[in-house]
Amino acid sequence: MRNRSGSVVYSDRLNEVKLPILLLAAASDLQRPPDCVSETFHELGSADKRFLRAGVAEGFSVDFGHDDLLAGKAFPNEIFPIITDWLEERSRACWRSHND
């Protein structure tokens, strides 16, 4: 992917991403296969990053597909809590760092 003018190739700059990041890969995603998401994950420059493949082999009830991560039947009980916990952990850490 490039910017509109074509002068910036975003994948060449993944190491500049320093923010905390949670990458979820759907085991049965044909648009963004887990191996591709994993490659992106390894290129990110963040010290606080987590990669999770959402599939049966990882203990989920289904092999999630692309849209299932946000709209599938198993999302509310299996994916949403992971996102919530991840955000709460960072929120607590941020709060502590500002109040020490």
PDB file of N, CA and C in Angstrom:
ATOM      1  N   MET A   1       0.832  -1.177   0.000  1.00  0.00           N
ATOM      2  CA  MET A   1       0.000   0.000   0.000  1.00  0.00           C
ATOM      3  C   MET A   1       0.880   1.245   0.000  1.00  0.00           C
ATOM      4  N   ARG A   2       0.439   2.202  -0.788  1.00  0.00           N
ATOM      5  CA  ARG A   2       1.156   3.464  -0.907  1.00  0.00           C
ATOM      6  C   ARG A   2       0.225   4.625  -0.584  1.00  0.00           C
ATOM      7  N   ASN A   3       0.836   5.773  -0.288  1.00  0.00           N
ATOM      8  CA  ASN A   3       0.016   6.964  -0.138  1.00  0.00           C
ATOM      9  C   ASN A   3      -0.471   7.409  -1.515  1.00  0.00           C
ATOM     10  N   ARG A   4      -1.304   8.402  -1.539  1.00  0.00           N
ATOM     11  CA  ARG A   4      -1.943   8.821  -2.788  1.00  0.00           C
ATOM     12  C   ARG A   4      -0.937   9.187  -3.877  1.00  0.00           C
ATOM     13  N   SER A   5       0.135   9.867  -3.505  1.00  0.00           N
ATOM     14  CA  SER A   5       1.122  10.273  -4.509  1.00  0.00           C
ATOM     15  C   SER A   5       2.050   9.129  -4.904  1.00  0.00           C
ATOM     16  N   GLY A   6       2.054   8.057  -4.127  1.00  0.00           N
ATOM     17  CA  GLY A   6       2.933   6.923  -4.410  1.00  0.00           C
ATOM     18  C   GLY A   6       4.314   7.055  -3.815  1.00  0.00           C
ATOM     19  N   SER A   7       4.554   8.138  -3.095  1.00  0.00           N
ATOM     20  CA  SER A   7       5.900   8.390  -2.563  1.00  0.00           C
ATOM     21  C   SER A   7       6.211   7.626  -1.279  1.00  0.00           C
ATOM     22  N   VAL A   8       5.187   7.136  -0.600  1.00  0.00           N
ATOM     23  CA  VAL A   8       5.390   6.402   0.653  1.00  0.00           C
ATOM     24  C   VAL A   8       4.831   4.996   0.506  1.00  0.00           C
ATOM     25  N   VAL A   9       5.670   4.012   0.754  1.00  0.00           N
ATOM     26  CA  VAL A   9       5.241   2.611   0.796  1.00  0.00           C
ATOM     27  C   VAL A   9       5.123   2.255   2.275  1.00  0.00           C
ATOM     28  N   TYR A  10       3.895   2.102   2.735  1.00  0.00           N
ATOM     29  CA  TYR A  10       3.658   1.918   4.164  1.00  0.00           C
ATOM     30  C   TYR A  10       4.363   0.683   4.727  1.00  0.00           C
ATOM     31  N   SER A  11       4.389  -0.389   3.987  1.00  0.00           N
ATOM     32  CA  SER A  11       5.027  -1.608   4.499  1.00  0.00           C
ATOM     33  C   SER A  11       6.526  -1.428   4.716  1.00  0.00           C
ATOM     34  N   ASP A  12       7.129  -0.452   4.045  1.00  0.00           N
ATOM     35  CA  ASP A  12       8.556  -0.176   4.256  1.00  0.00           C
ATOM     36  C   ASP A  12       8.806   0.593   5.543  1.00  0.00           C
ATOM     37  N   ARG A  13       7.734   1.061   6.177  1.00  0.00           N
ATOM     38  CA  ARG A  13       7.891   1.911   7.358  1.00  0.00           C
ATOM     39  C   ARG A  13       7.264   1.303   8.614  1.00  0.00           C
ATOM     40  N   LEU A  14       6.976   0.017   8.581  1.00  0.00           N
ATOM     41  CA  LEU A  14       6.342  -0.622   9.731  1.00  0.00           C
ATOM     42  C   LEU A  14       7.201  -0.535  10.986  1.00  0.00           C
ATOM     43  N   ASN A  15       8.505  -0.502  10.826  1.00  0.00           N
ATOM     44  CA  ASN A  15       9.398  -0.408  11.982  1.00  0.00           C
ATOM     45  C   ASN A  15       9.242   0.919  12.719  1.00  0.00           C
ATOM     46  N   GLU A  16       8.612   1.904  12.090  1.00  0.00           N
ATOM     47  CA  GLU A  16       8.382   3.199  12.724  1.00  0.00           C
ATOM     48  C   GLU A  16       7.168   3.189  13.642  1.00  0.00           C
ATOM     49  N   VAL A  17       6.370   2.149  13.580  1.00  0.00           N
ATOM     50  CA  VAL A  17       5.187   2.048  14.445  1.00  0.00           C
ATOM     51  C   VAL A  17       5.668   1.671  15.837  1.00  0.00           C
ATOM     52  N   LYS A  18       5.481   2.584  16.792  1.00  0.00           N
ATOM     53  CA  LYS A  18       5.963   2.375  18.162  1.00  0.00           C
ATOM     54  C   LYS A  18       4.830   2.262  19.181  1.00  0.00           C
ATOM     55  N   LEU A  19       3.600   2.482  18.748  1.00  0.00           N
ATOM     56  CA  LEU A  19       2.454   2.392  19.654  1.00  0.00           C
ATOM     57  C   LEU A  19       2.151   0.944  20.010  1.00  0.00           C
ATOM     58  N   PRO A  20       1.524   0.712  21.158  1.00  0.00           N
ATOM     59  CA  PRO A  20       1.071  -0.645  21.475  1.00  0.00           C
ATOM     60  C   PRO A  20       0.119  -1.134  20.388  1.00  0.00           C
ATOM     61  N   ILE A  21       0.217  -2.404  20.070  1.00  0.00           N
ATOM     62  CA  ILE A  21      -0.635  -2.927  18.995  1.00  0.00           C
ATOM     63  C   ILE A  21      -1.010  -4.380  19.271  1.00  0.00           C
ATOM     64  N   LEU A  22      -2.262  -4.673  18.992  1.00  0.00           N
ATOM     65  CA  LEU A  22      -2.806  -6.033  19.074  1.00  0.00           C
ATOM     66  C   LEU A  22      -3.245  -6.409  17.670  1.00  0.00           C
ATOM     67  N   LEU A  23      -2.628  -7.439  17.119  1.00  0.00           N
ATOM     68  CA  LEU A  23      -3.009  -7.913  15.788  1.00  0.00           C
ATOM     69  C   LEU A  23      -3.704  -9.261  15.931  1.00  0.00           C
ATOM     70  N   LEU A  24      -4.919  -9.320  15.442  1.00  0.00           N
ATOM     71  CA  LEU A  24      -5.683 -10.558  15.441  1.00  0.00           C
ATOM     72  C   LEU A  24      -5.763 -11.067  14.015  1.00  0.00           C
ATOM     73  N   ALA A  25      -5.399 -12.311  13.837  1.00  0.00           N
ATOM     74  CA  ALA A  25      -5.467 -12.937  12.515  1.00  0.00           C
ATOM     75  C   ALA A  25      -6.519 -14.029  12.558  1.00  0.00           C
ATOM     76  N   ALA A  26      -7.420 -13.986  11.605  1.00  0.00           N
ATOM     77  CA  ALA A  26      -8.455 -15.007  11.514  1.00  0.00           C
ATOM     78  C   ALA A  26      -7.881 -16.235  10.801  1.00  0.00           C
ATOM     79  N   ALA A  27      -8.003 -17.379  11.428  1.00  0.00           N
ATOM     80  CA  ALA A  27      -7.402 -18.605  10.908  1.00  0.00           C
ATOM     81  C   ALA A  27      -7.835 -18.930   9.480  1.00  0.00           C
ATOM     82  N   SER A  28      -9.081 -18.598   9.143  1.00  0.00           N
ATOM     83  CA  SER A  28      -9.598 -18.910   7.799  1.00  0.00           C
ATOM     84  C   SER A  28      -9.771 -17.665   6.932  1.00  0.00           C
ATOM     85  N   ASP A  29      -9.009 -16.643   7.216  1.00  0.00           N
ATOM     86  CA  ASP A  29      -9.109 -15.391   6.453  1.00  0.00           C
ATOM     87  C   ASP A  29      -8.415 -15.553   5.106  1.00  0.00           C
ATOM     88  N   LEU A  30      -9.175 -15.423   4.035  1.00  0.00           N
ATOM     89  CA  LEU A  30      -8.610 -15.532   2.689  1.00  0.00           C
ATOM     90  C   LEU A  30      -8.129 -14.184   2.162  1.00  0.00           C
ATOM     91  N   GLN A  31      -8.608 -13.081   2.767  1.00  0.00           N
ATOM     92  CA  GLN A  31      -8.189 -11.747   2.339  1.00  0.00           C
ATOM     93  C   GLN A  31      -6.864 -11.346   2.974  1.00  0.00           C
ATOM     94  N   ARG A  32      -6.707 -11.633   4.247  1.00  0.00           N
ATOM     95  CA  ARG A  32      -5.480 -11.349   4.998  1.00  0.00           C
ATOM     96  C   ARG A  32      -5.092 -12.617   5.758  1.00  0.00           C
ATOM     97  N   PRO A  33      -4.465 -13.564   5.088  1.00  0.00           N
ATOM     98  CA  PRO A  33      -4.116 -14.834   5.739  1.00  0.00           C
ATOM     99  C   PRO A  33      -3.223 -14.626   6.966  1.00  0.00           C
ATOM    100  N   PRO A  34      -3.369 -15.492   7.959  1.00  0.00           N
ATOM    101  CA  PRO A  34      -2.594 -15.351   9.192  1.00  0.00           C
ATOM    102  C   PRO A  34      -1.088 -15.227   8.973  1.00  0.00           C
ATOM    103  N   ASP A  35      -0.534 -15.947   8.014  1.00  0.00           N
ATOM    104  CA  ASP A  35       0.907 -15.846   7.770  1.00  0.00           C
ATOM    105  C   ASP A  35       1.306 -14.444   7.340  1.00  0.00           C
ATOM    106  N   CYS A  36       0.461 -13.786   6.561  1.00  0.00           N
ATOM    107  CA  CYS A  36       0.745 -12.411   6.129  1.00  0.00           C
ATOM    108  C   CYS A  36       0.633 -11.443   7.302  1.00  0.00           C
ATOM    109  N   VAL A  37      -0.365 -11.650   8.145  1.00  0.00           N
ATOM    110  CA  VAL A  37      -0.529 -10.802   9.327  1.00  0.00           C
ATOM    111  C   VAL A  37       0.671 -10.994  10.256  1.00  0.00           C
ATOM    112  N   SER A  38       1.122 -12.217  10.392  1.00  0.00           N
ATOM    113  CA  SER A  38       2.288 -12.508  11.227  1.00  0.00           C
ATOM    114  C   SER A  38       3.543 -11.818  10.691  1.00  0.00           C
ATOM    115  N   GLU A  39       3.719 -11.808   9.385  1.00  0.00           N
ATOM    116  CA  GLU A  39       4.864 -11.109   8.790  1.00  0.00           C
ATOM    117  C   GLU A  39       4.816  -9.623   9.121  1.00  0.00           C
ATOM    118  N   THR A  40       3.643  -9.039   9.012  1.00  0.00           N
ATOM    119  CA  THR A  40       3.473  -7.630   9.371  1.00  0.00           C
ATOM    120  C   THR A  40       3.813  -7.414  10.838  1.00  0.00           C
ATOM    121  N   PHE A  41       3.313  -8.284  11.691  1.00  0.00           N
ATOM    122  CA  PHE A  41       3.567  -8.188  13.133  1.00  0.00           C
ATOM    123  C   PHE A  41       5.065  -8.129  13.425  1.00  0.00           C
ATOM    124  N   HIS A  42       5.819  -8.992  12.797  1.00  0.00           N
ATOM    125  CA  HIS A  42       7.260  -9.059  13.071  1.00  0.00           C
ATOM    126  C   HIS A  42       8.006  -7.822  12.580  1.00  0.00           C
ATOM    127  N   GLU A  43       7.461  -7.120  11.623  1.00  0.00           N
ATOM    128  CA  GLU A  43       8.094  -5.911  11.102  1.00  0.00           C
ATOM    129  C   GLU A  43       7.797  -4.671  11.932  1.00  0.00           C
ATOM    130  N   LEU A  44       6.759  -4.715  12.758  1.00  0.00           N
ATOM    131  CA  LEU A  44       6.380  -3.555  13.556  1.00  0.00           C
ATOM    132  C   LEU A  44       7.455  -3.219  14.574  1.00  0.00           C
ATOM    133  N   GLY A  45       7.667  -1.934  14.807  1.00  0.00           N
ATOM    134  CA  GLY A  45       8.714  -1.486  15.718  1.00  0.00           C
ATOM    135  C   GLY A  45       8.283  -1.368  17.165  1.00  0.00           C
ATOM    136  N   SER A  46       7.049  -1.627  17.473  1.00  0.00           N
ATOM    137  CA  SER A  46       6.551  -1.489  18.837  1.00  0.00           C
ATOM    138  C   SER A  46       7.172  -2.523  19.768  1.00  0.00           C
ATOM    139  N   ALA A  47       7.510  -2.061  20.970  1.00  0.00           N
ATOM    140  CA  ALA A  47       7.989  -2.989  22.002  1.00  0.00           C
ATOM    141  C   ALA A  47       6.813  -3.693  22.671  1.00  0.00           C
ATOM    142  N   ASP A  48       5.629  -3.121  22.553  1.00  0.00           N
ATOM    143  CA  ASP A  48       4.415  -3.675  23.149  1.00  0.00           C
ATOM    144  C   ASP A  48       3.486  -4.109  22.020  1.00  0.00           C
ATOM    145  N   LYS A  49       3.661  -5.342  21.601  1.00  0.00           N
ATOM    146  CA  LYS A  49       2.835  -5.851  20.519  1.00  0.00           C
ATOM    147  C   LYS A  49       2.459  -7.298  20.810  1.00  0.00           C
ATOM    148  N   ARG A  50       1.270  -7.663  20.355  1.00  0.00           N
ATOM    149  CA  ARG A  50       0.783  -9.027  20.563  1.00  0.00           C
ATOM    150  C   ARG A  50       0.108  -9.505  19.285  1.00  0.00           C
ATOM    151  N   PHE A  51       0.394 -10.730  18.924  1.00  0.00           N
ATOM    152  CA  PHE A  51      -0.206 -11.370  17.758  1.00  0.00           C
ATOM    153  C   PHE A  51      -1.024 -12.559  18.238  1.00  0.00           C
ATOM    154  N   LEU A  52      -2.226 -12.688  17.723  1.00  0.00           N
ATOM    155  CA  LEU A  52      -3.076 -13.805  18.090  1.00  0.00           C
ATOM    156  C   LEU A  52      -3.791 -14.325  16.852  1.00  0.00           C
ATOM    157  N   ARG A  53      -3.628 -15.608  16.599  1.00  0.00           N
ATOM    158  CA  ARG A  53      -4.334 -16.290  15.510  1.00  0.00           C
ATOM    159  C   ARG A  53      -5.601 -16.872  16.103  1.00  0.00           C
ATOM    160  N   ALA A  54      -6.746 -16.527  15.533  1.00  0.00           N
ATOM    161  CA  ALA A  54      -8.039 -16.954  16.066  1.00  0.00           C
ATOM    162  C   ALA A  54      -8.546 -18.164  15.295  1.00  0.00           C
ATOM    163  N   GLY A  55      -8.268 -19.333  15.861  1.00  0.00           N
ATOM    164  CA  GLY A  55      -8.687 -20.570  15.225  1.00  0.00           C
ATOM    165  C   GLY A  55      -8.813 -21.705  16.218  1.00  0.00           C
ATOM    166  N   VAL A  56      -9.326 -22.802  15.757  1.00  0.00           N
ATOM    167  CA  VAL A  56      -9.535 -23.987  16.590  1.00  0.00           C
ATOM    168  C   VAL A  56      -8.220 -24.470  17.202  1.00  0.00           C
ATOM    169  N   ALA A  57      -7.150 -24.443  16.431  1.00  0.00           N
ATOM    170  CA  ALA A  57      -5.853 -24.909  16.933  1.00  0.00           C
ATOM    171  C   ALA A  57      -5.352 -24.088  18.119  1.00  0.00           C
ATOM    172  N   GLU A  58      -5.850 -22.851  18.238  1.00  0.00           N
ATOM    173  CA  GLU A  58      -5.445 -21.975  19.338  1.00  0.00           C
ATOM    174  C   GLU A  58      -6.462 -21.975  20.482  1.00  0.00           C
ATOM    175  N   GLY A  59      -7.457 -22.862  20.401  1.00  0.00           N
ATOM    176  CA  GLY A  59      -8.429 -23.001  21.475  1.00  0.00           C
ATOM    177  C   GLY A  59      -9.750 -22.284  21.261  1.00  0.00           C
ATOM    178  N   PHE A  60      -9.938 -21.689  20.108  1.00  0.00           N
ATOM    179  CA  PHE A  60     -11.208 -21.031  19.816  1.00  0.00           C
ATOM    180  C   PHE A  60     -12.223 -22.068  19.343  1.00  0.00           C
ATOM    181  N   SER A  61     -13.490 -21.703  19.388  1.00  0.00           N
ATOM    182  CA  SER A  61     -14.537 -22.649  19.014  1.00  0.00           C
ATOM    183  C   SER A  61     -14.651 -22.837  17.506  1.00  0.00           C
ATOM    184  N   VAL A  62     -14.139 -21.886  16.736  1.00  0.00           N
ATOM    185  CA  VAL A  62     -14.213 -21.933  15.270  1.00  0.00           C
ATOM    186  C   VAL A  62     -12.917 -21.390  14.681  1.00  0.00           C
ATOM    187  N   ASP A  63     -12.707 -21.691  13.413  1.00  0.00           N
ATOM    188  CA  ASP A  63     -11.667 -21.017  12.656  1.00  0.00           C
ATOM    189  C   ASP A  63     -12.304 -19.743  12.100  1.00  0.00           C
ATOM    190  N   PHE A  64     -11.976 -18.627  12.713  1.00  0.00           N
ATOM    191  CA  PHE A  64     -12.574 -17.358  12.324  1.00  0.00           C
ATOM    192  C   PHE A  64     -12.196 -17.007  10.892  1.00  0.00           C
ATOM    193  N   GLY A  65     -13.117 -16.328  10.208  1.00  0.00           N
ATOM    194  CA  GLY A  65     -12.866 -15.777   8.893  1.00  0.00           C
ATOM    195  C   GLY A  65     -12.673 -14.273   9.008  1.00  0.00           C
ATOM    196  N   HIS A  66     -12.445 -13.623   7.903  1.00  0.00           N
ATOM    197  CA  HIS A  66     -12.126 -12.193   7.875  1.00  0.00           C
ATOM    198  C   HIS A  66     -13.153 -11.347   8.633  1.00  0.00           C
ATOM    199  N   ASP A  67     -14.401 -11.457   8.285  1.00  0.00           N
ATOM    200  CA  ASP A  67     -15.440 -10.649   8.937  1.00  0.00           C
ATOM    201  C   ASP A  67     -15.829 -11.181  10.316  1.00  0.00           C
ATOM    202  N   ASP A  68     -15.544 -12.422  10.587  1.00  0.00           N
ATOM    203  CA  ASP A  68     -15.923 -13.029  11.865  1.00  0.00           C
ATOM    204  C   ASP A  68     -15.252 -12.364  13.061  1.00  0.00           C
ATOM    205  N   LEU A  69     -14.092 -11.765  12.849  1.00  0.00           N
ATOM    206  CA  LEU A  69     -13.375 -11.152  13.973  1.00  0.00           C
ATOM    207  C   LEU A  69     -14.162 -10.001  14.592  1.00  0.00           C
ATOM    208  N   LEU A  70     -15.021  -9.367  13.827  1.00  0.00           N
ATOM    209  CA  LEU A  70     -15.828  -8.261  14.361  1.00  0.00           C
ATOM    210  C   LEU A  70     -17.329  -8.485  14.274  1.00  0.00           C
ATOM    211  N   ALA A  71     -17.760  -9.451  13.479  1.00  0.00           N
ATOM    212  CA  ALA A  71     -19.197  -9.613  13.283  1.00  0.00           C
ATOM    213  C   ALA A  71     -19.670 -11.055  13.357  1.00  0.00           C
ATOM    214  N   GLY A  72     -18.793 -11.976  13.667  1.00  0.00           N
ATOM    215  CA  GLY A  72     -19.184 -13.382  13.709  1.00  0.00           C
ATOM    216  C   GLY A  72     -19.938 -13.742  14.976  1.00  0.00           C
ATOM    217  N   LYS A  73     -20.591 -14.872  14.944  1.00  0.00           N
ATOM    218  CA  LYS A  73     -21.381 -15.319  16.102  1.00  0.00           C
ATOM    219  C   LYS A  73     -20.523 -15.539  17.346  1.00  0.00           C
ATOM    220  N   ALA A  74     -19.279 -15.953  17.168  1.00  0.00           N
ATOM    221  CA  ALA A  74     -18.410 -16.218  18.318  1.00  0.00           C
ATOM    222  C   ALA A  74     -17.673 -14.964  18.803  1.00  0.00           C
ATOM    223  N   PHE A  75     -17.748 -13.882  18.047  1.00  0.00           N
ATOM    224  CA  PHE A  75     -17.033 -12.650  18.415  1.00  0.00           C
ATOM    225  C   PHE A  75     -17.342 -12.162  19.827  1.00  0.00           C
ATOM    226  N   PRO A  76     -18.628 -12.019  20.203  1.00  0.00           N
ATOM    227  CA  PRO A  76     -18.908 -11.428  21.520  1.00  0.00           C
ATOM    228  C   PRO A  76     -18.290 -12.188  22.686  1.00  0.00           C
ATOM    229  N   ASN A  77     -18.251 -13.505  22.590  1.00  0.00           N
ATOM    230  CA  ASN A  77     -17.760 -14.312  23.711  1.00  0.00           C
ATOM    231  C   ASN A  77     -16.279 -14.659  23.626  1.00  0.00           C
ATOM    232  N   GLU A  78     -15.700 -14.609  22.432  1.00  0.00           N
ATOM    233  CA  GLU A  78     -14.325 -15.074  22.287  1.00  0.00           C
ATOM    234  C   GLU A  78     -13.324 -13.986  21.894  1.00  0.00           C
ATOM    235  N   ILE A  79     -13.717 -13.084  21.037  1.00  0.00           N
ATOM    236  CA  ILE A  79     -12.786 -12.059  20.563  1.00  0.00           C
ATOM    237  C   ILE A  79     -12.907 -10.767  21.372  1.00  0.00           C
ATOM    238  N   PHE A  80     -14.133 -10.323  21.599  1.00  0.00           N
ATOM    239  CA  PHE A  80     -14.343  -9.078  22.326  1.00  0.00           C
ATOM    240  C   PHE A  80     -13.643  -9.062  23.682  1.00  0.00           C
ATOM    241  N   PRO A  81     -13.709 -10.138  24.480  1.00  0.00           N
ATOM    242  CA  PRO A  81     -13.006 -10.118  25.771  1.00  0.00           C
ATOM    243  C   PRO A  81     -11.485  -9.970  25.630  1.00  0.00           C
ATOM    244  N   ILE A  82     -10.914 -10.516  24.588  1.00  0.00           N
ATOM    245  CA  ILE A  82      -9.469 -10.376  24.365  1.00  0.00           C
ATOM    246  C   ILE A  82      -9.122  -8.915  24.105  1.00  0.00           C
ATOM    247  N   ILE A  83      -9.908  -8.281  23.257  1.00  0.00           N
ATOM    248  CA  ILE A  83      -9.672  -6.867  22.949  1.00  0.00           C
ATOM    249  C   ILE A  83      -9.875  -6.013  24.201  1.00  0.00           C
ATOM    250  N   THR A  84     -10.948  -6.274  24.922  1.00  0.00           N
ATOM    251  CA  THR A  84     -11.245  -5.522  26.144  1.00  0.00           C
ATOM    252  C   THR A  84     -10.118  -5.661  27.161  1.00  0.00           C
ATOM    253  N   ASP A  85      -9.673  -6.885  27.412  1.00  0.00           N
ATOM    254  CA  ASP A  85      -8.588  -7.115  28.373  1.00  0.00           C
ATOM    255  C   ASP A  85      -7.310  -6.397  27.948  1.00  0.00           C
ATOM    256  N   TRP A  86      -6.999  -6.476  26.665  1.00  0.00           N
ATOM    257  CA  TRP A  86      -5.784  -5.835  26.154  1.00  0.00           C
ATOM    258  C   TRP A  86      -5.845  -4.323  26.374  1.00  0.00           C
ATOM    259  N   LEU A  87      -6.987  -3.723  26.055  1.00  0.00           N
ATOM    260  CA  LEU A  87      -7.149  -2.274  26.248  1.00  0.00           C
ATOM    261  C   LEU A  87      -7.117  -1.901  27.726  1.00  0.00           C
ATOM    262  N   GLU A  88      -7.754  -2.690  28.571  1.00  0.00           N
ATOM    263  CA  GLU A  88      -7.761  -2.395  30.005  1.00  0.00           C
ATOM    264  C   GLU A  88      -6.362  -2.481  30.608  1.00  0.00           C
ATOM    265  N   GLU A  89      -5.571  -3.464  30.178  1.00  0.00           N
ATOM    266  CA  GLU A  89      -4.198  -3.584  30.666  1.00  0.00           C
ATOM    267  C   GLU A  89      -3.395  -2.322  30.345  1.00  0.00           C
ATOM    268  N   ARG A  90      -3.529  -1.818  29.142  1.00  0.00           N
ATOM    269  CA  ARG A  90      -2.784  -0.633  28.749  1.00  0.00           C
ATOM    270  C   ARG A  90      -3.328   0.613  29.423  1.00  0.00           C
ATOM    271  N   SER A  91      -4.628   0.643  29.632  1.00  0.00           N
ATOM    272  CA  SER A  91      -5.235   1.771  30.327  1.00  0.00           C
ATOM    273  C   SER A  91      -4.734   1.854  31.764  1.00  0.00           C
ATOM    274  N   ARG A  92      -4.676   0.707  32.453  1.00  0.00           N
ATOM    275  CA  ARG A  92      -4.164   0.683  33.828  1.00  0.00           C
ATOM    276  C   ARG A  92      -2.699   1.099  33.863  1.00  0.00           C
ATOM    277  N   ALA A  93      -1.904   0.599  32.939  1.00  0.00           N
ATOM    278  CA  ALA A  93      -0.481   0.941  32.901  1.00  0.00           C
ATOM    279  C   ALA A  93      -0.297   2.436  32.648  1.00  0.00           C
ATOM    280  N   CYS A  94      -1.092   2.997  31.758  1.00  0.00           N
ATOM    281  CA  CYS A  94      -1.024   4.426  31.455  1.00  0.00           C
ATOM    282  C   CYS A  94      -1.417   5.239  32.680  1.00  0.00           C
ATOM    283  N   TRP A  95      -2.481   4.824  33.338  1.00  0.00           N
ATOM    284  CA  TRP A  95      -2.939   5.526  34.534  1.00  0.00           C
ATOM    285  C   TRP A  95      -1.870   5.508  35.611  1.00  0.00           C
ATOM    286  N   ARG A  96      -1.255   4.329  35.819  1.00  0.00           N
ATOM    287  CA  ARG A  96      -0.195   4.211  36.832  1.00  0.00           C
ATOM    288  C   ARG A  96       0.981   5.107  36.501  1.00  0.00           C
ATOM    289  N   SER A  97       1.391   5.135  35.245  1.00  0.00           N
ATOM    290  CA  SER A  97       2.562   5.933  34.868  1.00  0.00           C
ATOM    291  C   SER A  97       2.306   7.418  35.040  1.00  0.00           C
ATOM    292  N   HIS A  98       1.057   7.859  34.901  1.00  0.00           N
ATOM    293  CA  HIS A  98       0.741   9.270  35.059  1.00  0.00           C
ATOM    294  C   HIS A  98       0.488   9.657  36.515  1.00  0.00           C
ATOM    295  N   ASN A  99       0.321   8.669  37.373  1.00  0.00           N
ATOM    296  CA  ASN A  99       0.012   8.948  38.770  1.00  0.00           C
ATOM    297  C   ASN A  99       1.112   8.521  39.738  1.00  0.00           C
ATOM    298  N   ASP A 100       2.244   8.164  39.214  1.00  0.00           N
ATOM    299  CA  ASP A 100       3.379   7.783  40.085  1.00  0.00           C
ATOM    300  C   ASP A 100       4.189   8.998  40.462  1.00  0.00           C
TER     301      ASP A 100
END
